[in-house]
Amino acid sequence: MSKKDIPITDSDWAKINKLFECNCSIDEAAQFIGVSHDTLEKRIKEKFNLLPSEYKKNKKEKGNATLLMKQYELAIDGDRAMLIWLGKQRLDQADKKEIKQDVTTGGDKLNGISPIQWIDEQSKGDKD
């Protein structure tokens, strides 16, 4: 039996689905179960009446949803690191916000003078 004629069993389909959920390529899945790329693509078309790229995309999306659900469960169960990470990813939270101001162009504190001049003036006032 040539590599192209090897049937894909239900057990193989379960493995293929998991591999696609993990975002493996069609080549990687075919290699894993011991068939050619072309055979796997042909069998996907025959069995599911889908383009292989569509089938793989559907499985990948299921894997993404499963991963997000597990991360969410960990966070809700009190995993501090996951709570922080999900807060940053989904809620745009940050450890700190940086506010940048060009101090050379003025502002209430500097009254339009350069930072060096302002420091000099402040140090002179301390001496008096």
C-alpha atoms as a PDB file:
ATOM      1  CA  MET A   1       0.000   0.000   0.000  1.00  0.00           C
ATOM      2  CA  SER A   2       1.505   3.326  -1.020  1.00  0.00           C
ATOM      3  CA  LYS A   3       1.521   6.352   1.250  1.00  0.00           C
ATOM      4  CA  LYS A   4      -1.311   7.836  -0.835  1.00  0.00           C
ATOM      5  CA  ASP A   5      -3.565   4.780  -0.348  1.00  0.00           C
ATOM      6  CA  ILE A   6      -3.337   4.642   3.429  1.00  0.00           C
ATOM      7  CA  PRO A   7      -6.802   5.107   4.951  1.00  0.00           C
ATOM      8  CA  ILE A   8      -7.321   7.689   7.670  1.00  0.00           C
ATOM      9  CA  THR A   9      -8.983   6.063  10.685  1.00  0.00           C
ATOM     10  CA  ASP A  10     -11.270   7.656  13.274  1.00  0.00           C
ATOM     11  CA  SER A  11      -8.321   7.595  15.656  1.00  0.00           C
ATOM     12  CA  ASP A  12      -6.218   9.445  13.048  1.00  0.00           C
ATOM     13  CA  TRP A  13      -8.977  12.073  12.621  1.00  0.00           C
ATOM     14  CA  ALA A  14      -8.983  12.678  16.379  1.00  0.00           C
ATOM     15  CA  LYS A  15      -5.208  13.254  16.222  1.00  0.00           C
ATOM     16  CA  ILE A  16      -5.506  15.499  13.156  1.00  0.00           C
ATOM     17  CA  ASN A  17      -8.178  17.584  14.848  1.00  0.00           C
ATOM     18  CA  LYS A  18      -6.018  18.067  17.949  1.00  0.00           C
ATOM     19  CA  LEU A  19      -3.016  18.969  15.796  1.00  0.00           C
ATOM     20  CA  PHE A  20      -5.056  21.558  13.891  1.00  0.00           C
ATOM     21  CA  GLU A  21      -6.438  22.909  17.180  1.00  0.00           C
ATOM     22  CA  CYS A  22      -2.798  23.449  18.208  1.00  0.00           C
ATOM     23  CA  ASN A  23      -2.216  25.279  14.895  1.00  0.00           C
ATOM     24  CA  CYS A  24      -0.086  22.608  13.247  1.00  0.00           C
ATOM     25  CA  SER A  25       0.162  22.794   9.479  1.00  0.00           C
ATOM     26  CA  ILE A  26      -1.399  20.321   7.077  1.00  0.00           C
ATOM     27  CA  ASP A  27       2.105  19.036   6.327  1.00  0.00           C
ATOM     28  CA  GLU A  28       2.802  18.474  10.029  1.00  0.00           C
ATOM     29  CA  ALA A  29      -0.502  16.655  10.579  1.00  0.00           C
ATOM     30  CA  ALA A  30       0.030  14.494   7.485  1.00  0.00           C
ATOM     31  CA  GLN A  31       3.550  13.626   8.621  1.00  0.00           C
ATOM     32  CA  PHE A  32       2.284  12.797  12.123  1.00  0.00           C
ATOM     33  CA  ILE A  33      -0.249  10.231  10.912  1.00  0.00           C
ATOM     34  CA  GLY A  34       1.973   8.915   8.105  1.00  0.00           C
ATOM     35  CA  VAL A  35       0.233  10.102   4.941  1.00  0.00           C
ATOM     36  CA  SER A  36       1.162  12.587   2.251  1.00  0.00           C
ATOM     37  CA  HIS A  37       0.026  16.204   2.238  1.00  0.00           C
ATOM     38  CA  ASP A  38      -2.058  15.526  -0.884  1.00  0.00           C
ATOM     39  CA  THR A  39      -3.735  12.486   0.691  1.00  0.00           C
ATOM     40  CA  LEU A  40      -4.744  14.413   3.780  1.00  0.00           C
ATOM     41  CA  GLU A  41      -6.131  17.276   1.704  1.00  0.00           C
ATOM     42  CA  LYS A  42      -8.055  14.827  -0.494  1.00  0.00           C
ATOM     43  CA  ARG A  43      -9.506  12.992   2.522  1.00  0.00           C
ATOM     44  CA  ILE A  44     -10.606  16.272   4.150  1.00  0.00           C
ATOM     45  CA  LYS A  45     -12.439  17.257   0.959  1.00  0.00           C
ATOM     46  CA  GLU A  46     -14.061  13.811   0.679  1.00  0.00           C
ATOM     47  CA  LYS A  47     -15.082  13.418   4.328  1.00  0.00           C
ATOM     48  CA  PHE A  48     -16.106  16.969   5.247  1.00  0.00           C
ATOM     49  CA  ASN A  49     -16.828  18.617   1.880  1.00  0.00           C
ATOM     50  CA  LEU A  50     -14.615  21.540   2.895  1.00  0.00           C
ATOM     51  CA  LEU A  51     -11.416  23.027   1.594  1.00  0.00           C
ATOM     52  CA  PRO A  52      -8.535  21.823   3.765  1.00  0.00           C
ATOM     53  CA  SER A  53      -7.727  25.430   4.717  1.00  0.00           C
ATOM     54  CA  GLU A  54     -11.321  25.958   5.928  1.00  0.00           C
ATOM     55  CA  TYR A  55     -11.311  22.719   7.904  1.00  0.00           C
ATOM     56  CA  LYS A  56      -7.970  23.587   9.505  1.00  0.00           C
ATOM     57  CA  LYS A  57      -9.165  27.141  10.292  1.00  0.00           C
ATOM     58  CA  ASN A  58     -12.302  25.822  12.016  1.00  0.00           C
ATOM     59  CA  LYS A  59     -10.232  23.490  14.198  1.00  0.00           C
ATOM     60  CA  LYS A  60      -7.707  26.239  14.991  1.00  0.00           C
ATOM     61  CA  GLU A  61     -10.538  28.548  16.103  1.00  0.00           C
ATOM     62  CA  LYS A  62     -11.863  25.800  18.365  1.00  0.00           C
ATOM     63  CA  GLY A  63      -8.366  25.464  19.846  1.00  0.00           C
ATOM     64  CA  ASN A  64      -8.153  29.230  20.381  1.00  0.00           C
ATOM     65  CA  ALA A  65     -11.523  29.255  22.140  1.00  0.00           C
ATOM     66  CA  THR A  66     -10.512  26.321  24.345  1.00  0.00           C
ATOM     67  CA  LEU A  67      -7.261  28.053  25.275  1.00  0.00           C
ATOM     68  CA  LEU A  68      -9.005  31.332  26.104  1.00  0.00           C
ATOM     69  CA  MET A  69     -11.600  29.490  28.167  1.00  0.00           C
ATOM     70  CA  LYS A  70      -8.873  27.716  30.168  1.00  0.00           C
ATOM     71  CA  GLN A  71      -7.021  30.999  30.736  1.00  0.00           C
ATOM     72  CA  TYR A  72     -10.237  32.636  31.871  1.00  0.00           C
ATOM     73  CA  GLU A  73     -10.983  29.747  34.255  1.00  0.00           C
ATOM     74  CA  LEU A  74      -7.493  30.024  35.751  1.00  0.00           C
ATOM     75  CA  ALA A  75      -7.960  33.764  36.254  1.00  0.00           C
ATOM     76  CA  ILE A  76     -11.395  33.368  37.836  1.00  0.00           C
ATOM     77  CA  ASP A  77     -10.041  30.627  40.103  1.00  0.00           C
ATOM     78  CA  GLY A  78      -7.523  33.152  41.468  1.00  0.00           C
ATOM     79  CA  ASP A  79      -4.378  32.676  39.368  1.00  0.00           C
ATOM     80  CA  ARG A  80      -2.908  36.118  39.978  1.00  0.00           C
ATOM     81  CA  ALA A  81      -0.582  36.088  36.978  1.00  0.00           C
ATOM     82  CA  MET A  82      -3.416  35.107  34.647  1.00  0.00           C
ATOM     83  CA  LEU A  83      -5.690  37.789  36.123  1.00  0.00           C
ATOM     84  CA  ILE A  84      -3.026  40.412  35.423  1.00  0.00           C
ATOM     85  CA  TRP A  85      -2.268  39.100  31.946  1.00  0.00           C
ATOM     86  CA  LEU A  86      -5.925  38.909  30.895  1.00  0.00           C
ATOM     87  CA  GLY A  87      -6.532  42.387  32.327  1.00  0.00           C
ATOM     88  CA  LYS A  88      -3.735  43.741  30.163  1.00  0.00           C
ATOM     89  CA  GLN A  89      -4.842  41.840  27.050  1.00  0.00           C
ATOM     90  CA  ARG A  90      -8.595  42.316  27.206  1.00  0.00           C
ATOM     91  CA  LEU A  91      -9.078  45.446  29.285  1.00  0.00           C
ATOM     92  CA  ASP A  92      -6.041  47.497  28.166  1.00  0.00           C
ATOM     93  CA  GLN A  93      -4.811  47.633  31.748  1.00  0.00           C
ATOM     94  CA  ALA A  94      -1.155  48.464  32.363  1.00  0.00           C
ATOM     95  CA  ASP A  95       1.312  48.407  35.225  1.00  0.00           C
ATOM     96  CA  LYS A  96       1.883  52.114  34.776  1.00  0.00           C
ATOM     97  CA  LYS A  97       0.922  54.778  32.326  1.00  0.00           C
ATOM     98  CA  GLU A  98       3.642  56.986  30.965  1.00  0.00           C
ATOM     99  CA  ILE A  99       2.771  60.604  30.438  1.00  0.00           C
ATOM    100  CA  LYS A 100       5.295  62.408  28.322  1.00  0.00           C
ATOM    101  CA  GLN A 101       5.532  66.162  28.289  1.00  0.00           C
ATOM    102  CA  ASP A 102       8.005  68.253  26.396  1.00  0.00           C
ATOM    103  CA  VAL A 103       9.308  70.375  29.254  1.00  0.00           C
ATOM    104  CA  THR A 104      11.337  72.637  26.980  1.00  0.00           C
ATOM    105  CA  THR A 105       8.207  74.172  25.483  1.00  0.00           C
ATOM    106  CA  GLY A 106       6.785  75.459  28.694  1.00  0.00           C
ATOM    107  CA  GLY A 107       4.186  74.369  31.099  1.00  0.00           C
ATOM    108  CA  ASP A 108       3.026  75.861  34.365  1.00  0.00           C
ATOM    109  CA  LYS A 109       6.075  74.866  36.383  1.00  0.00           C
ATOM    110  CA  LEU A 110       8.803  75.885  33.975  1.00  0.00           C
ATOM    111  CA  ASN A 111       7.279  79.098  32.626  1.00  0.00           C
ATOM    112  CA  GLY A 112       8.780  78.533  29.189  1.00  0.00           C
ATOM    113  CA  ILE A 113      12.431  78.222  30.276  1.00  0.00           C
ATOM    114  CA  SER A 114      14.669  75.248  29.670  1.00  0.00           C
ATOM    115  CA  PRO A 115      14.963  72.576  32.362  1.00  0.00           C
ATOM    116  CA  ILE A 116      18.624  73.547  32.959  1.00  0.00           C
ATOM    117  CA  GLN A 117      17.716  77.196  33.547  1.00  0.00           C
ATOM    118  CA  TRP A 118      14.860  76.180  35.820  1.00  0.00           C
ATOM    119  CA  ILE A 119      17.181  73.957  37.901  1.00  0.00           C
ATOM    120  CA  ASP A 120      19.745  76.787  38.104  1.00  0.00           C
ATOM    121  CA  GLU A 121      17.083  79.257  39.281  1.00  0.00           C
ATOM    122  CA  GLN A 122      15.768  76.777  41.845  1.00  0.00           C
ATOM    123  CA  SER A 123      19.245  76.102  43.238  1.00  0.00           C
ATOM    124  CA  LYS A 124      19.935  79.858  43.526  1.00  0.00           C
ATOM    125  CA  GLY A 125      16.736  80.280  45.512  1.00  0.00           C
ATOM    126  CA  ASP A 126      17.862  77.562  47.922  1.00  0.00           C
ATOM    127  CA  LYS A 127      21.103  79.415  48.670  1.00  0.00           C
ATOM    128  CA  ASP A 128      19.388  82.681  49.596  1.00  0.00           C
END
